Amino acid sequence: MEKGQHVGMADTVLVKHPGKLISLGLGSCIGLVLYDETAKVAAMAHIMLPESRKDKDTPKPGKFADTAVPTLIDMVLKAGAKKDRLKAKMAGGSQMFNVPGSKSGFLAVGTRNAEETEKNLKSAGIKLVGSDTGGNKGRSVEFSTDDWILVVKTLGTGKQGI
């Protein structure tokens, strides 16, 4: 199998089987993957912020949860996926710095990223089948179409598959 497609900050990348998607350095960001095992296609976004403030014409739709979800759906459907078979997995959304007042509210970017991503998936009718969000440690993720597992590497804790 190939080495893997890197998904950088604010990027969206699609792979067909056999393929691997890799996103490094998720702090408050979310690594979101949508996939259809039958069509053998997957796409990942590296989401940085919860909302685009309704500027849907952003040149990097992977940057925001509210633009990344519909973009990924569109990408996998164009590659042969069926919406009723789509599944989602995500990781990230950490609170990387201890700032007074940051456990909730505007400064809790990681929490807001996770919540907004889940809200957009639910609104689109996509089932979230695996999630590893929150805490205060950075993560990196790898998703392979060989086994449909999102491997989450958490700084200082090791790795797990979801």
C-alpha atoms as a PDB file:
ATOM      1  CA  MET A   1       0.000   0.000   0.000  1.00  0.00           C
ATOM      2  CA  GLU A   2       1.092   3.579  -0.567  1.00  0.00           C
ATOM      3  CA  LYS A   3       2.700   5.670   2.148  1.00  0.00           C
ATOM      4  CA  GLY A   4      -0.407   7.807   2.761  1.00  0.00           C
ATOM      5  CA  GLN A   5      -1.928  11.120   1.815  1.00  0.00           C
ATOM      6  CA  HIS A   6      -1.136  13.941   4.228  1.00  0.00           C
ATOM      7  CA  VAL A   7      -4.095  16.090   5.282  1.00  0.00           C
ATOM      8  CA  GLY A   8      -2.704  19.472   6.328  1.00  0.00           C
ATOM      9  CA  MET A   9      -4.410  22.203   8.309  1.00  0.00           C
ATOM     10  CA  ALA A  10      -7.692  23.242   6.655  1.00  0.00           C
ATOM     11  CA  ASP A  11      -7.245  20.595   3.923  1.00  0.00           C
ATOM     12  CA  THR A  12      -9.721  18.028   2.618  1.00  0.00           C
ATOM     13  CA  VAL A  13      -8.321  14.918   0.919  1.00  0.00           C
ATOM     14  CA  LEU A  14     -10.038  11.926  -0.715  1.00  0.00           C
ATOM     15  CA  VAL A  15      -8.628   8.415  -1.203  1.00  0.00           C
ATOM     16  CA  LYS A  16      -9.950   5.291  -2.853  1.00  0.00           C
ATOM     17  CA  HIS A  17      -8.942   1.811  -1.717  1.00  0.00           C
ATOM     18  CA  PRO A  18      -6.153   1.062  -1.141  1.00  0.00           C
ATOM     19  CA  GLY A  19      -5.461   4.348   0.587  1.00  0.00           C
ATOM     20  CA  LYS A  20      -4.372   5.950   3.806  1.00  0.00           C
ATOM     21  CA  LEU A  21      -5.097   9.420   5.192  1.00  0.00           C
ATOM     22  CA  ILE A  22      -2.799  11.007   7.783  1.00  0.00           C
ATOM     23  CA  SER A  23      -3.243  14.197   9.789  1.00  0.00           C
ATOM     24  CA  LEU A  24      -0.600  15.328  12.253  1.00  0.00           C
ATOM     25  CA  GLY A  25      -0.612  17.779  15.118  1.00  0.00           C
ATOM     26  CA  LEU A  26      -4.262  17.919  16.123  1.00  0.00           C
ATOM     27  CA  GLY A  27      -4.536  20.073  19.229  1.00  0.00           C
ATOM     28  CA  SER A  28      -7.831  21.900  19.357  1.00  0.00           C
ATOM     29  CA  CYS A  29      -8.321  20.900  15.704  1.00  0.00           C
ATOM     30  CA  ILE A  30     -10.478  17.962  14.620  1.00  0.00           C
ATOM     31  CA  GLY A  31      -9.429  15.205  12.240  1.00  0.00           C
ATOM     32  CA  LEU A  32     -12.713  14.086  10.663  1.00  0.00           C
ATOM     33  CA  VAL A  33     -13.035  11.143   8.274  1.00  0.00           C
ATOM     34  CA  LEU A  34     -16.131  10.160   6.281  1.00  0.00           C
ATOM     35  CA  TYR A  35     -16.153   6.803   4.529  1.00  0.00           C
ATOM     36  CA  ASP A  36     -18.215   4.247   2.635  1.00  0.00           C
ATOM     37  CA  GLU A  37     -16.796   0.723   2.980  1.00  0.00           C
ATOM     38  CA  THR A  38     -18.885  -0.632   0.084  1.00  0.00           C
ATOM     39  CA  ALA A  39     -17.723   2.041  -2.365  1.00  0.00           C
ATOM     40  CA  LYS A  40     -14.204   1.790  -0.857  1.00  0.00           C
ATOM     41  CA  VAL A  41     -13.722   5.556  -0.538  1.00  0.00           C
ATOM     42  CA  ALA A  42     -12.799   7.872   2.337  1.00  0.00           C
ATOM     43  CA  ALA A  43     -12.139  11.586   2.819  1.00  0.00           C
ATOM     44  CA  MET A  44     -10.589  13.493   5.703  1.00  0.00           C
ATOM     45  CA  ALA A  45     -10.635  17.124   6.837  1.00  0.00           C
ATOM     46  CA  HIS A  46      -8.330  18.870   9.315  1.00  0.00           C
ATOM     47  CA  ILE A  47     -10.836  21.251  10.933  1.00  0.00           C
ATOM     48  CA  MET A  48      -9.363  24.273  12.709  1.00  0.00           C
ATOM     49  CA  LEU A  49     -12.407  26.315  13.772  1.00  0.00           C
ATOM     50  CA  PRO A  50     -16.087  25.654  14.502  1.00  0.00           C
ATOM     51  CA  GLU A  51     -17.828  28.136  12.214  1.00  0.00           C
ATOM     52  CA  SER A  52     -17.142  29.985   8.994  1.00  0.00           C
ATOM     53  CA  ARG A  53     -19.389  32.865  10.075  1.00  0.00           C
ATOM     54  CA  LYS A  54     -21.554  31.948   7.097  1.00  0.00           C
ATOM     55  CA  ASP A  55     -18.812  32.759   4.573  1.00  0.00           C
ATOM     56  CA  LYS A  56     -19.432  29.510   2.678  1.00  0.00           C
ATOM     57  CA  ASP A  57     -17.150  30.541  -0.213  1.00  0.00           C
ATOM     58  CA  THR A  58     -13.968  30.015   1.772  1.00  0.00           C
ATOM     59  CA  PRO A  59     -11.069  28.788  -0.407  1.00  0.00           C
ATOM     60  CA  LYS A  60     -10.262  26.167   2.293  1.00  0.00           C
ATOM     61  CA  PRO A  61     -13.622  24.639   3.330  1.00  0.00           C
ATOM     62  CA  GLY A  62     -11.797  22.089   5.511  1.00  0.00           C
ATOM     63  CA  LYS A  63     -10.905  24.903   7.903  1.00  0.00           C
ATOM     64  CA  PHE A  64     -14.371  25.129   9.483  1.00  0.00           C
ATOM     65  CA  ALA A  65     -16.685  22.402  10.821  1.00  0.00           C
ATOM     66  CA  ASP A  66     -19.738  23.905   9.114  1.00  0.00           C
ATOM     67  CA  THR A  67     -18.080  23.884   5.686  1.00  0.00           C
ATOM     68  CA  ALA A  68     -15.904  20.762   6.077  1.00  0.00           C
ATOM     69  CA  VAL A  69     -18.790  18.350   6.681  1.00  0.00           C
ATOM     70  CA  PRO A  70     -20.747  19.220   3.507  1.00  0.00           C
ATOM     71  CA  THR A  71     -17.498  19.358   1.505  1.00  0.00           C
ATOM     72  CA  LEU A  72     -16.481  15.850   2.607  1.00  0.00           C
ATOM     73  CA  ILE A  73     -19.976  14.532   1.865  1.00  0.00           C
ATOM     74  CA  ASP A  74     -19.821  16.016  -1.629  1.00  0.00           C
ATOM     75  CA  MET A  75     -16.336  14.588  -2.235  1.00  0.00           C
ATOM     76  CA  VAL A  76     -17.198  10.998  -1.279  1.00  0.00           C
ATOM     77  CA  LEU A  77     -20.560  11.043  -3.098  1.00  0.00           C
ATOM     78  CA  LYS A  78     -18.823  12.189  -6.302  1.00  0.00           C
ATOM     79  CA  ALA A  79     -16.383   9.277  -5.830  1.00  0.00           C
ATOM     80  CA  GLY A  80     -19.209   6.712  -5.719  1.00  0.00           C
ATOM     81  CA  ALA A  81     -20.305   6.631  -2.078  1.00  0.00           C
ATOM     82  CA  LYS A  82     -23.979   6.451  -1.094  1.00  0.00           C
ATOM     83  CA  LYS A  83     -25.152   8.848   1.605  1.00  0.00           C
ATOM     84  CA  ASP A  84     -27.073   6.200   3.561  1.00  0.00           C
ATOM     85  CA  ARG A  85     -23.859   4.139   3.912  1.00  0.00           C
ATOM     86  CA  LEU A  86     -21.620   6.974   5.114  1.00  0.00           C
ATOM     87  CA  LYS A  87     -19.974   6.710   8.519  1.00  0.00           C
ATOM     88  CA  ALA A  88     -17.813   9.209  10.392  1.00  0.00           C
ATOM     89  CA  LYS A  89     -14.954   9.034  12.878  1.00  0.00           C
ATOM     90  CA  MET A  90     -13.130  11.929  14.488  1.00  0.00           C
ATOM     91  CA  ALA A  91     -10.397  12.811  16.951  1.00  0.00           C
ATOM     92  CA  GLY A  92      -8.873  15.967  18.425  1.00  0.00           C
ATOM     93  CA  GLY A  93     -10.630  18.875  20.081  1.00  0.00           C
ATOM     94  CA  SER A  94      -8.190  19.204  22.992  1.00  0.00           C
ATOM     95  CA  GLN A  95      -7.886  22.166  25.341  1.00  0.00           C
ATOM     96  CA  MET A  96      -4.184  22.703  24.784  1.00  0.00           C
ATOM     97  CA  PHE A  97      -3.602  25.691  27.065  1.00  0.00           C
ATOM     98  CA  ASN A  98      -4.922  26.458  30.517  1.00  0.00           C
ATOM     99  CA  VAL A  99      -6.336  29.938  30.040  1.00  0.00           C
ATOM    100  CA  PRO A 100      -8.666  31.356  32.718  1.00  0.00           C
ATOM    101  CA  GLY A 101     -12.246  31.016  31.481  1.00  0.00           C
ATOM    102  CA  SER A 102     -11.252  28.592  28.729  1.00  0.00           C
ATOM    103  CA  LYS A 103     -13.040  25.458  29.988  1.00  0.00           C
ATOM    104  CA  SER A 104     -16.198  26.641  28.269  1.00  0.00           C
ATOM    105  CA  GLY A 105     -17.291  29.532  26.123  1.00  0.00           C
ATOM    106  CA  PHE A 106     -15.498  31.337  23.332  1.00  0.00           C
ATOM    107  CA  LEU A 107     -11.952  30.314  24.316  1.00  0.00           C
ATOM    108  CA  ALA A 108     -12.792  26.586  24.437  1.00  0.00           C
ATOM    109  CA  VAL A 109     -12.003  26.128  20.739  1.00  0.00           C
ATOM    110  CA  GLY A 110     -11.388  22.371  20.985  1.00  0.00           C
ATOM    111  CA  THR A 111     -14.726  21.703  22.676  1.00  0.00           C
ATOM    112  CA  ARG A 112     -16.528  23.995  20.257  1.00  0.00           C
ATOM    113  CA  ASN A 113     -14.845  22.284  17.273  1.00  0.00           C
ATOM    114  CA  ALA A 114     -16.009  18.845  18.465  1.00  0.00           C
ATOM    115  CA  GLU A 115     -19.551  20.027  19.245  1.00  0.00           C
ATOM    116  CA  GLU A 116     -19.976  21.852  15.936  1.00  0.00           C
ATOM    117  CA  THR A 117     -18.609  18.890  13.968  1.00  0.00           C
ATOM    118  CA  GLU A 118     -21.046  16.512  15.711  1.00  0.00           C
ATOM    119  CA  LYS A 119     -23.919  18.949  15.137  1.00  0.00           C
ATOM    120  CA  ASN A 120     -23.165  19.181  11.417  1.00  0.00           C
ATOM    121  CA  LEU A 121     -22.851  15.397  11.063  1.00  0.00           C
ATOM    122  CA  LYS A 122     -26.177  14.884  12.832  1.00  0.00           C
ATOM    123  CA  SER A 123     -27.848  17.546  10.696  1.00  0.00           C
ATOM    124  CA  ALA A 124     -26.573  15.781   7.561  1.00  0.00           C
ATOM    125  CA  GLY A 125     -27.771  12.385   8.809  1.00  0.00           C
ATOM    126  CA  ILE A 126     -24.247  10.924   9.062  1.00  0.00           C
ATOM    127  CA  LYS A 127     -23.635   8.445  11.888  1.00  0.00           C
ATOM    128  CA  LEU A 128     -20.604   9.168  14.092  1.00  0.00           C
ATOM    129  CA  VAL A 129     -19.315   5.653  14.850  1.00  0.00           C
ATOM    130  CA  GLY A 130     -16.048   6.558  16.600  1.00  0.00           C
ATOM    131  CA  SER A 131     -14.730   9.550  18.491  1.00  0.00           C
ATOM    132  CA  ASP A 132     -11.725  10.467  20.656  1.00  0.00           C
ATOM    133  CA  THR A 133     -12.027  14.137  21.599  1.00  0.00           C
ATOM    134  CA  GLY A 134     -11.294  16.426  24.529  1.00  0.00           C
ATOM    135  CA  GLY A 135      -8.586  16.278  27.138  1.00  0.00           C
ATOM    136  CA  ASN A 136      -5.428  18.357  26.966  1.00  0.00           C
ATOM    137  CA  LYS A 137      -3.034  16.322  24.810  1.00  0.00           C
ATOM    138  CA  GLY A 138      -2.225  16.610  21.130  1.00  0.00           C
ATOM    139  CA  ARG A 139      -3.078  13.820  18.709  1.00  0.00           C
ATOM    140  CA  SER A 140      -2.220  12.590  15.241  1.00  0.00           C
ATOM    141  CA  VAL A 141      -4.470  10.285  13.223  1.00  0.00           C
ATOM    142  CA  GLU A 142      -4.182   7.699  10.440  1.00  0.00           C
ATOM    143  CA  PHE A 143      -7.122   6.155   8.605  1.00  0.00           C
ATOM    144  CA  SER A 144      -6.662   3.194   6.284  1.00  0.00           C
ATOM    145  CA  THR A 145      -9.141   1.760   3.783  1.00  0.00           C
ATOM    146  CA  ASP A 146      -7.596  -1.662   4.506  1.00  0.00           C
ATOM    147  CA  ASP A 147      -9.383  -1.968   7.860  1.00  0.00           C
ATOM    148  CA  TRP A 148     -11.526   1.229   8.156  1.00  0.00           C
ATOM    149  CA  ILE A 149      -9.921   1.994  11.537  1.00  0.00           C
ATOM    150  CA  LEU A 150      -8.920   5.477  12.672  1.00  0.00           C
ATOM    151  CA  VAL A 151      -5.670   5.044  14.609  1.00  0.00           C
ATOM    152  CA  VAL A 152      -5.270   7.859  17.131  1.00  0.00           C
ATOM    153  CA  LYS A 153      -1.795   8.568  18.480  1.00  0.00           C
ATOM    154  CA  THR A 154      -2.062  10.652  21.649  1.00  0.00           C
ATOM    155  CA  LEU A 155       1.008  12.482  22.903  1.00  0.00           C
ATOM    156  CA  GLY A 156       2.445  10.665  25.906  1.00  0.00           C
ATOM    157  CA  THR A 157      -0.259   7.959  25.978  1.00  0.00           C
ATOM    158  CA  GLY A 158       0.283   5.778  22.932  1.00  0.00           C
ATOM    159  CA  LYS A 159      -2.144   4.795  20.216  1.00  0.00           C
ATOM    160  CA  GLN A 160      -5.589   3.275  19.934  1.00  0.00           C
ATOM    161  CA  GLY A 161      -7.893   2.329  17.095  1.00  0.00           C
ATOM    162  CA  ILE A 162     -11.444   3.583  16.836  1.00  0.00           C
END
